[in-house]
């Protein structure tokens, strides 16, 4: 599609910085999305400035992430000690900080404001009006969707968030949905205007995440060649449900006790959300269920290290209660892993026919599905071979192709509205 040239984009990520390590705190797929889309935009000659909240006095005002991508830290509330749930009270301070930042540039400096998550959308609402540019918004997660699929011990998202999301949906020039299912949820739960929604699946870095020799990956990770490796990657919180894997492992050993000497249940991630209240909960659960000896809980690793874990795994599990997409599933498949994912949210799109979708979160069902893969080498090999081909459709280049189309459409429409209003 042709349209106005896009020279500079302001991305807004209030509650989590693109510089944070995904897999701990509030950093996850959103961080990966912001970083990778920004880097790919810069490769196309589009400058990207990412505005986020300063969380340490040591952070400089501006960090050049790469040529064409800068991260600007905005003072809004105490540097440390604020949870995501505390941040609505700092939105005015954050917006004021951005206003101060943009006072240094002339009108027309930015072509588009792209906000990520509802908190950023609230700020984007103000700054887009101030800059007279279109607001493109990506929800990433939605309160009304999460509240319909909560884990038993999780806490519902507050009504204030639902109201804030409704406001952002109403004022955004364009809403970017990760999947067709998310598009339908925006319409059903938030009364979004269908013509404002564009479906743009996230991507995966195919240069980092690609197939490799399993034996070499295991050797680098210190795993035995004959180990049976079950893997979970993500933040440790009820929403992501790492406990489902631990419980399923206990059930699996009841059915197949001969696996104990070889079984490795690896959980890579840090405490997040309600998980901060009990950071050792998984270890305690492992002891209670008698699987502490096979449970390996480790902090998030580098992307290269993560790719090695995917290659080393027999099964990668994604048992989340809600996912707008599920980058872990696609990353794992890109590395040739067998993926078992909950049949929720965007995971059916992320997994496609190259993985296994599991209904519900009953550990017995998950253990049965894991055992079915382990006991059928031909099926496992078929899934491993189909995963990389499926993941090829989700490169960041394709994502940014579509994002640029969305930006151009929004800019053209905004300019046409201005022209009509001046007549």
Protein backbone atom coordinates (compact mmCIF):
# COMPACT_ATOMS: atom_id res chain seq x y z
CA UNK A 1 0.00 0.00 0.00
CA UNK A 2 1.20 3.51 -0.82
CA UNK A 3 0.55 6.50 1.42
CA UNK A 4 2.28 9.18 3.43
CA UNK A 5 5.89 8.53 4.32
CA UNK A 6 6.39 7.67 8.00
CA UNK A 7 9.54 9.30 9.28
CA UNK A 8 9.26 9.20 13.05
CA UNK A 9 7.13 7.22 15.53
CA UNK A 10 6.65 7.88 19.23
CA UNK A 11 6.06 4.64 21.12
CA UNK A 12 4.68 4.82 24.65
CA UNK A 13 5.25 2.05 27.19
CA UNK A 14 4.44 3.40 30.64
CA UNK A 15 4.56 0.38 32.91
CA UNK A 16 7.52 -1.56 31.56
CA UNK A 17 10.70 -0.55 29.82
CA UNK A 18 11.97 -2.08 26.57
CA UNK A 19 15.34 -2.29 28.37
CA UNK A 20 13.95 -4.71 30.99
CA UNK A 21 14.67 -8.44 30.82
CA UNK A 22 11.54 -10.28 29.58
CA UNK A 23 10.29 -12.99 31.89
CA UNK A 24 10.37 -11.19 35.21
CA UNK A 25 8.45 -8.37 36.88
CA UNK A 26 6.06 -6.86 34.34
CA UNK A 27 8.35 -7.53 31.39
CA UNK A 28 7.12 -10.06 28.88
CA UNK A 29 5.83 -10.29 25.34
CA UNK A 30 4.97 -6.59 25.28
CA UNK A 31 8.63 -5.73 25.81
CA UNK A 32 9.70 -8.04 23.01
CA UNK A 33 7.05 -6.54 20.73
CA UNK A 34 8.15 -2.96 21.39
CA UNK A 35 11.85 -3.70 20.98
CA UNK A 36 11.63 -5.86 17.88
CA UNK A 37 9.10 -3.70 16.04
CA UNK A 38 11.13 -0.58 16.84
CA UNK A 39 14.36 -2.15 15.59
CA UNK A 40 12.69 -3.31 12.37
CA UNK A 41 11.12 0.12 11.81
CA UNK A 42 14.57 1.67 12.21
CA UNK A 43 15.94 -0.69 9.56
CA UNK A 44 13.32 0.78 7.21
CA UNK A 45 14.57 4.29 7.94
CA UNK A 46 11.85 5.17 10.48
CA UNK A 47 13.11 6.81 13.67
CA UNK A 48 11.51 5.50 16.86
CA UNK A 49 11.49 7.20 20.25
CA UNK A 50 10.18 5.04 23.09
CA UNK A 51 8.88 6.84 26.18
CA UNK A 52 8.89 4.84 29.42
CA UNK A 53 8.95 5.50 33.16
CA UNK A 54 12.27 5.97 34.95
CA UNK A 55 12.61 3.26 37.60
CA UNK A 56 16.11 4.06 38.88
CA UNK A 57 18.03 7.25 39.58
CA UNK A 58 20.93 5.72 37.64
CA UNK A 59 19.03 5.59 34.37
CA UNK A 60 20.11 8.30 31.91
CA UNK A 61 17.54 10.56 30.33
CA UNK A 62 18.08 8.93 26.93
CA UNK A 63 19.44 5.52 25.98
CA UNK A 64 20.29 4.87 22.34
CA UNK A 65 19.17 1.29 21.87
CA UNK A 66 20.46 1.20 18.31
CA UNK A 67 20.77 3.54 15.37
CA UNK A 68 17.34 5.08 14.94
CA UNK A 69 15.86 3.78 18.22
CA UNK A 70 16.07 5.74 21.48
CA UNK A 71 14.51 5.14 24.88
CA UNK A 72 13.50 8.29 26.78
CA UNK A 73 13.02 8.00 30.53
CA UNK A 74 10.27 10.09 32.06
CA UNK A 75 10.04 10.93 35.77
CA UNK A 76 6.66 9.88 37.18
CA UNK A 77 6.44 8.94 40.83
CA UNK A 78 9.04 7.16 42.98
CA UNK A 79 11.74 5.43 40.97
CA UNK A 80 11.31 2.12 42.79
CA UNK A 81 8.64 0.32 44.76
CA UNK A 82 5.67 1.04 42.50
CA UNK A 83 3.67 -1.92 41.24
CA UNK A 84 1.81 -1.81 37.94
CA UNK A 85 -1.40 -1.47 39.93
CA UNK A 86 -0.07 1.77 41.47
CA UNK A 87 0.66 3.47 38.15
CA UNK A 88 -2.79 4.89 37.29
CA UNK A 89 -2.08 7.53 39.94
CA UNK A 90 1.08 8.54 38.06
CA UNK A 91 -0.42 8.94 34.59
CA UNK A 92 -0.76 12.72 34.88
CA UNK A 93 2.86 12.99 36.00
CA UNK A 94 3.95 10.78 33.11
CA UNK A 95 1.91 12.78 30.60
CA UNK A 96 3.36 16.02 31.96
CA UNK A 97 6.84 14.57 31.61
CA UNK A 98 6.23 13.68 27.98
CA UNK A 99 4.80 17.16 27.33
CA UNK A 100 8.00 18.60 28.71
CA UNK A 101 10.02 16.34 26.44
CA UNK A 102 8.16 17.25 23.27
CA UNK A 103 8.38 20.97 23.98
CA UNK A 104 11.89 20.65 22.52
CA UNK A 105 10.66 19.63 19.06
CA UNK A 106 8.60 21.49 16.43
CA UNK A 107 5.06 20.53 15.40
CA UNK A 108 5.06 17.66 12.96
CA UNK A 109 8.14 16.07 14.51
CA UNK A 110 6.24 12.80 15.00
CA UNK A 111 3.95 11.21 12.44
CA UNK A 112 2.26 8.67 14.73
CA UNK A 113 1.93 7.87 18.42
CA UNK A 114 1.77 4.11 19.12
CA UNK A 115 0.79 3.18 22.68
CA UNK A 116 1.13 -0.26 24.26
CA UNK A 117 -1.20 -1.46 27.07
CA UNK A 118 -4.06 0.58 28.47
CA UNK A 119 -1.94 2.77 30.78
CA UNK A 120 0.06 3.94 27.79
CA UNK A 121 -3.15 4.45 25.85
CA UNK A 122 -4.38 6.91 28.48
CA UNK A 123 -1.21 8.96 28.05
CA UNK A 124 -1.29 8.49 24.29
CA UNK A 125 -4.77 10.00 24.26
CA UNK A 126 -3.37 13.27 25.62
CA UNK A 127 -0.16 13.47 23.66
CA UNK A 128 -1.74 12.53 20.32
CA UNK A 129 -4.14 15.43 20.77
CA UNK A 130 -1.25 17.72 21.71
CA UNK A 131 0.84 16.64 18.71
CA UNK A 132 -2.18 16.43 16.39
CA UNK A 133 -1.14 12.99 15.20
CA UNK A 134 -3.11 9.73 15.04
CA UNK A 135 -3.05 7.37 18.00
CA UNK A 136 -2.45 3.72 17.19
CA UNK A 137 -2.99 1.46 20.18
CA UNK A 138 -2.14 -2.17 20.93
CA UNK A 139 -3.94 -3.62 23.96
CA UNK A 140 -1.70 -6.69 24.54
CA UNK A 141 -4.06 -7.84 27.29
CA UNK A 142 -7.61 -6.81 28.19
CA UNK A 143 -9.25 -6.79 31.62
CA UNK A 144 -12.62 -8.06 30.45
CA UNK A 145 -10.98 -11.00 28.73
CA UNK A 146 -8.66 -11.85 31.65
CA UNK A 147 -11.50 -11.64 34.17
CA UNK A 148 -13.44 -14.31 32.29
CA UNK A 149 -10.61 -16.83 32.46
CA UNK A 150 -8.99 -16.30 35.86
CA UNK A 151 -7.04 -18.93 37.71
CA UNK A 152 -8.76 -19.99 40.93
CA UNK A 153 -6.36 -18.06 43.18
CA UNK A 154 -5.96 -15.00 40.95
CA UNK A 155 -7.44 -11.55 41.58
CA UNK A 156 -9.78 -9.90 39.04
CA UNK A 157 -8.65 -6.78 37.23
CA UNK A 158 -10.32 -3.68 38.74
CA UNK A 159 -13.21 -1.82 37.17
CA UNK A 160 -11.01 1.27 36.83
CA UNK A 161 -8.91 -0.61 34.29
CA UNK A 162 -11.98 -1.68 32.35
CA UNK A 163 -13.16 1.93 32.19
CA UNK A 164 -9.71 3.10 31.12
CA UNK A 165 -9.60 0.50 28.35
CA UNK A 166 -13.05 1.49 27.12
CA UNK A 167 -11.88 5.10 26.85
CA UNK A 168 -8.77 4.16 24.88
CA UNK A 169 -10.76 1.95 22.50
CA UNK A 170 -13.16 4.82 21.92
CA UNK A 171 -10.56 7.46 21.08
CA UNK A 172 -7.83 5.52 19.25
CA UNK A 173 -7.56 6.13 15.51
CA UNK A 174 -6.51 2.53 15.00
CA UNK A 175 -6.52 -0.54 17.24
CA UNK A 176 -3.95 -3.22 16.48
CA UNK A 177 -5.18 -6.72 17.38
CA UNK A 178 -2.78 -9.64 17.50
CA UNK A 179 -5.31 -12.13 16.14
CA UNK A 180 -8.78 -12.34 14.62
CA UNK A 181 -9.97 -13.66 17.99
CA UNK A 182 -8.70 -10.51 19.71
CA UNK A 183 -10.43 -8.42 17.06
CA UNK A 184 -13.70 -10.17 17.92
CA UNK A 185 -13.11 -9.63 21.65
CA UNK A 186 -12.56 -5.90 21.09
CA UNK A 187 -15.88 -5.71 19.29
CA UNK A 188 -17.81 -7.96 21.70
CA UNK A 189 -16.44 -6.74 25.04
CA UNK A 190 -15.52 -3.14 24.24
CA UNK A 191 -17.91 -2.19 21.44
CA UNK A 192 -14.96 -1.24 19.23
CA UNK A 193 -15.78 0.05 15.77
CA UNK A 194 -14.75 -2.74 13.37
CA UNK A 195 -13.34 -0.28 10.84
CA UNK A 196 -10.77 0.94 13.37
CA UNK A 197 -9.30 -2.54 14.05
CA UNK A 198 -6.38 -3.99 12.11
CA UNK A 199 -5.11 -7.53 12.74
CA UNK A 200 -1.31 -7.59 12.86
CA UNK A 201 0.23 -10.75 14.35
CA UNK A 202 3.44 -10.25 16.37
CA UNK A 203 6.68 -11.70 15.12
CA UNK A 204 9.62 -13.83 16.13
CA UNK A 205 13.32 -13.19 15.56
CA UNK A 206 14.06 -15.97 13.11
CA UNK A 207 17.80 -15.26 13.18
CA UNK A 208 17.94 -16.14 16.88
CA UNK A 209 15.16 -18.71 17.10
CA UNK A 210 15.85 -21.49 14.59
CA UNK A 211 16.36 -25.26 14.72
CA UNK A 212 19.61 -26.68 16.03
CA UNK A 213 21.10 -29.93 17.24
CA UNK A 214 19.42 -31.11 20.43
CA UNK A 215 22.48 -32.93 21.73
CA UNK A 216 24.67 -29.83 21.41
CA UNK A 217 22.02 -27.68 23.11
CA UNK A 218 21.81 -30.13 26.01
CA UNK A 219 25.57 -30.29 26.34
CA UNK A 220 25.78 -26.49 26.56
CA UNK A 221 23.06 -26.44 29.22
CA UNK A 222 24.58 -29.28 31.25
CA UNK A 223 21.70 -31.66 30.56
CA UNK A 224 22.22 -35.35 29.94
CA UNK A 225 21.62 -36.59 26.43
CA UNK A 226 18.85 -38.98 27.54
CA UNK A 227 17.04 -36.46 29.80
CA UNK A 228 13.30 -35.94 29.38
CA UNK A 229 12.97 -32.16 29.47
CA UNK A 230 9.66 -30.39 30.10
CA UNK A 231 9.96 -26.61 29.80
CA UNK A 232 7.99 -23.55 30.92
CA UNK A 233 9.13 -20.05 29.95
CA UNK A 234 7.47 -16.93 31.33
CA UNK A 235 6.63 -14.85 34.35
CA UNK A 236 5.80 -16.78 37.49
CA UNK A 237 2.26 -15.69 38.29
CA UNK A 238 -1.20 -17.34 38.37
CA UNK A 239 -2.11 -16.03 34.90
CA UNK A 240 0.78 -17.90 33.27
CA UNK A 241 0.07 -21.06 35.31
CA UNK A 242 3.53 -22.61 35.74
CA UNK A 243 2.00 -24.64 38.57
CA UNK A 244 0.02 -26.60 35.97
CA UNK A 245 3.30 -28.00 34.62
CA UNK A 246 4.58 -28.87 38.10
CA UNK A 247 1.32 -30.63 38.98
CA UNK A 248 1.27 -32.38 35.60
CA UNK A 249 4.84 -33.59 36.20
CA UNK A 250 3.79 -35.14 39.49
CA UNK A 251 0.89 -36.88 37.75
CA UNK A 252 3.21 -38.01 34.95
CA UNK A 253 5.59 -39.65 37.44
CA UNK A 254 2.66 -41.45 39.02
CA UNK A 255 1.86 -42.95 35.62
CA UNK A 256 5.45 -43.39 34.41
CA UNK A 257 7.67 -43.71 37.53
CA UNK A 258 10.56 -44.97 35.38
CA UNK A 259 11.03 -41.39 34.12
CA UNK A 260 12.14 -39.97 37.47
CA UNK A 261 15.86 -40.56 36.93
CA UNK A 262 15.74 -38.72 33.59
CA UNK A 263 13.01 -36.10 34.10
CA UNK A 264 13.89 -32.40 34.17
CA UNK A 265 11.05 -29.92 34.77
CA UNK A 266 12.57 -26.55 33.90
CA UNK A 267 10.86 -23.25 34.73
CA UNK A 268 12.62 -20.16 33.37
CA UNK A 269 11.18 -16.92 34.72
CA UNK A 270 10.90 -14.52 37.59
CA UNK A 271 8.14 -13.53 40.00
CA UNK A 272 5.53 -11.14 38.64
CA UNK A 273 2.26 -9.67 39.85
CA UNK A 274 0.83 -11.73 42.67
CA UNK A 275 3.83 -14.02 42.34
CA UNK A 276 5.91 -11.43 44.24
CA UNK A 277 3.97 -12.29 47.40
CA UNK A 278 5.27 -15.87 47.34
CA UNK A 279 8.42 -16.03 45.19
CA UNK A 280 9.25 -19.57 46.34
CA UNK A 281 5.75 -20.94 45.82
CA UNK A 282 6.72 -23.25 42.94
CA UNK A 283 9.55 -24.80 44.93
CA UNK A 284 7.21 -25.36 47.87
CA UNK A 285 4.66 -26.91 45.54
CA UNK A 286 7.34 -29.18 44.12
CA UNK A 287 8.23 -30.36 47.63
CA UNK A 288 4.58 -30.90 48.52
CA UNK A 289 4.01 -32.99 45.39
CA UNK A 290 7.24 -34.92 45.71
CA UNK A 291 8.86 -33.59 42.54
CA UNK A 292 11.38 -31.14 44.04
CA UNK A 293 14.20 -33.41 42.87
CA UNK A 294 13.25 -32.96 39.20
CA UNK A 295 12.20 -29.31 39.38
CA UNK A 296 14.66 -26.71 38.07
CA UNK A 297 13.57 -23.09 38.62
CA UNK A 298 15.92 -20.54 37.08
CA UNK A 299 15.79 -16.81 36.27
CA UNK A 300 15.18 -15.58 32.71
CA UNK A 301 18.08 -16.02 30.34
CA UNK A 302 19.36 -14.31 27.21
CA UNK A 303 17.57 -14.84 23.92
CA UNK A 304 20.40 -17.05 22.69
CA UNK A 305 20.21 -19.05 25.92
CA UNK A 306 16.45 -19.31 25.59
CA UNK A 307 16.77 -20.68 22.07
CA UNK A 308 19.10 -23.38 23.44
CA UNK A 309 16.50 -24.39 26.03
CA UNK A 310 13.83 -24.64 23.34
CA UNK A 311 16.10 -26.88 21.25
CA UNK A 312 16.91 -29.04 24.29
CA UNK A 313 13.29 -29.55 25.38
CA UNK A 314 11.16 -32.58 24.66
CA UNK A 315 8.01 -30.53 25.31
CA UNK A 316 7.49 -26.80 25.80
CA UNK A 317 4.31 -26.04 27.76
CA UNK A 318 2.30 -22.81 27.58
CA UNK A 319 -0.55 -23.39 30.08
CA UNK A 320 -1.65 -19.74 30.44
CA UNK A 321 -5.20 -18.83 31.40
CA UNK A 322 -5.14 -15.93 28.96
CA UNK A 323 -2.80 -14.86 26.15
CA UNK A 324 -3.38 -12.20 23.53
CA UNK A 325 -0.96 -14.14 21.30
CA UNK A 326 1.78 -16.25 22.89
CA UNK A 327 5.26 -15.40 21.63
CA UNK A 328 6.83 -18.22 23.63
CA UNK A 329 4.90 -20.76 21.59
CA UNK A 330 6.12 -19.39 18.25
CA UNK A 331 9.70 -18.93 19.47
CA UNK A 332 9.75 -22.54 20.63
CA UNK A 333 8.30 -23.83 17.37
CA UNK A 334 10.84 -21.78 15.41
CA UNK A 335 13.52 -23.78 17.26
CA UNK A 336 11.86 -27.09 16.40
CA UNK A 337 10.26 -27.76 19.78
CA UNK A 338 7.06 -29.65 20.44
CA UNK A 339 4.60 -27.15 21.95
CA UNK A 340 1.62 -27.95 24.18
CA UNK A 341 -0.47 -24.84 24.75
CA UNK A 342 -3.74 -24.01 26.44
CA UNK A 343 -6.60 -23.53 24.01
CA UNK A 344 -7.17 -19.90 25.00
CA UNK A 345 -6.88 -16.42 23.51
CA UNK A 346 -4.38 -16.07 20.69
CA UNK A 347 -2.60 -19.38 21.34
CA UNK A 348 -4.55 -21.31 18.66
CA UNK A 349 -3.21 -18.79 16.12
CA UNK A 350 0.31 -18.86 17.54
CA UNK A 351 0.44 -22.67 17.65
CA UNK A 352 -1.56 -23.50 14.54
CA UNK A 353 -1.55 -27.13 13.47
CA UNK A 354 2.15 -27.48 14.35
CA UNK A 355 1.49 -27.93 18.07
CA UNK A 356 -0.99 -29.43 20.50
CA UNK A 357 -3.83 -27.43 22.04
CA UNK A 358 -5.01 -28.57 25.46
CA UNK A 359 -8.47 -27.75 26.76
CA UNK A 360 -8.65 -26.58 30.35
CA UNK A 361 -5.96 -26.65 33.04
CA UNK A 362 -6.51 -30.02 34.70
CA UNK A 363 -3.00 -31.38 35.45
CA UNK A 364 -4.20 -34.91 34.72
CA UNK A 365 -5.15 -33.89 31.19
CA UNK A 366 -1.84 -32.11 30.70
CA UNK A 367 0.04 -35.17 31.98
CA UNK A 368 -1.90 -37.35 29.55
CA UNK A 369 -1.05 -35.07 26.61
CA UNK A 370 2.63 -34.91 27.61
CA UNK A 371 2.78 -38.69 27.94
CA UNK A 372 1.14 -39.09 24.51
CA UNK A 373 3.94 -37.05 22.93
CA UNK A 374 6.71 -38.82 24.83
CA UNK A 375 5.36 -42.25 23.93
CA UNK A 376 4.94 -41.52 20.23
CA UNK A 377 8.34 -40.56 18.76
CA UNK A 378 6.96 -40.41 15.20
CA UNK A 379 4.30 -37.90 16.21
CA UNK A 380 6.82 -35.85 18.17
CA UNK A 381 9.19 -35.77 15.20
CA UNK A 382 6.36 -34.68 12.92
CA UNK A 383 5.48 -31.80 15.23
CA UNK A 384 9.14 -30.78 15.53
CA UNK A 385 9.47 -30.69 11.75
CA UNK A 386 6.29 -28.64 11.24
CA UNK A 387 7.04 -26.04 13.90
CA UNK A 388 9.77 -24.07 12.08
CA UNK A 389 7.73 -23.90 8.86
CA UNK A 390 4.76 -22.54 10.81
CA UNK A 391 6.93 -19.96 12.58
CA UNK A 392 8.28 -18.62 9.29
CA UNK A 393 4.99 -16.79 8.77
CA UNK A 394 5.61 -14.71 11.90
CA UNK A 395 8.85 -12.86 11.20
CA UNK A 396 9.10 -9.28 12.47
CA UNK A 397 9.56 -8.06 8.91
CA UNK A 398 6.01 -9.17 8.09
CA UNK A 399 4.70 -7.57 11.29
CA UNK A 400 6.28 -4.22 10.48
CA UNK A 401 5.06 -4.36 6.88
CA UNK A 402 1.54 -4.40 8.28
CA UNK A 403 2.25 -1.83 11.00
CA UNK A 404 3.49 0.64 8.40
CA UNK A 405 0.27 0.12 6.45
CA UNK A 406 -1.71 0.85 9.60
CA UNK A 407 0.33 3.98 10.32
CA UNK A 408 -0.13 5.28 6.76
CA UNK A 409 -3.86 4.64 6.83
CA UNK A 410 -4.20 6.46 10.15
CA UNK A 411 -2.12 9.44 8.99
CA UNK A 412 -4.05 9.73 5.70
CA UNK A 413 -7.37 9.60 7.51
CA UNK A 414 -6.29 12.19 10.08
CA UNK A 415 -5.07 14.55 7.36
CA UNK A 416 -8.28 14.14 5.39
CA UNK A 417 -10.29 14.96 8.52
CA UNK A 418 -8.26 18.15 9.03
CA UNK A 419 -8.80 19.20 5.41
CA UNK A 420 -12.55 18.61 5.63
CA UNK A 421 -12.78 20.51 8.91
CA UNK A 422 -11.05 23.53 7.35
CA UNK A 423 -13.52 23.85 4.49
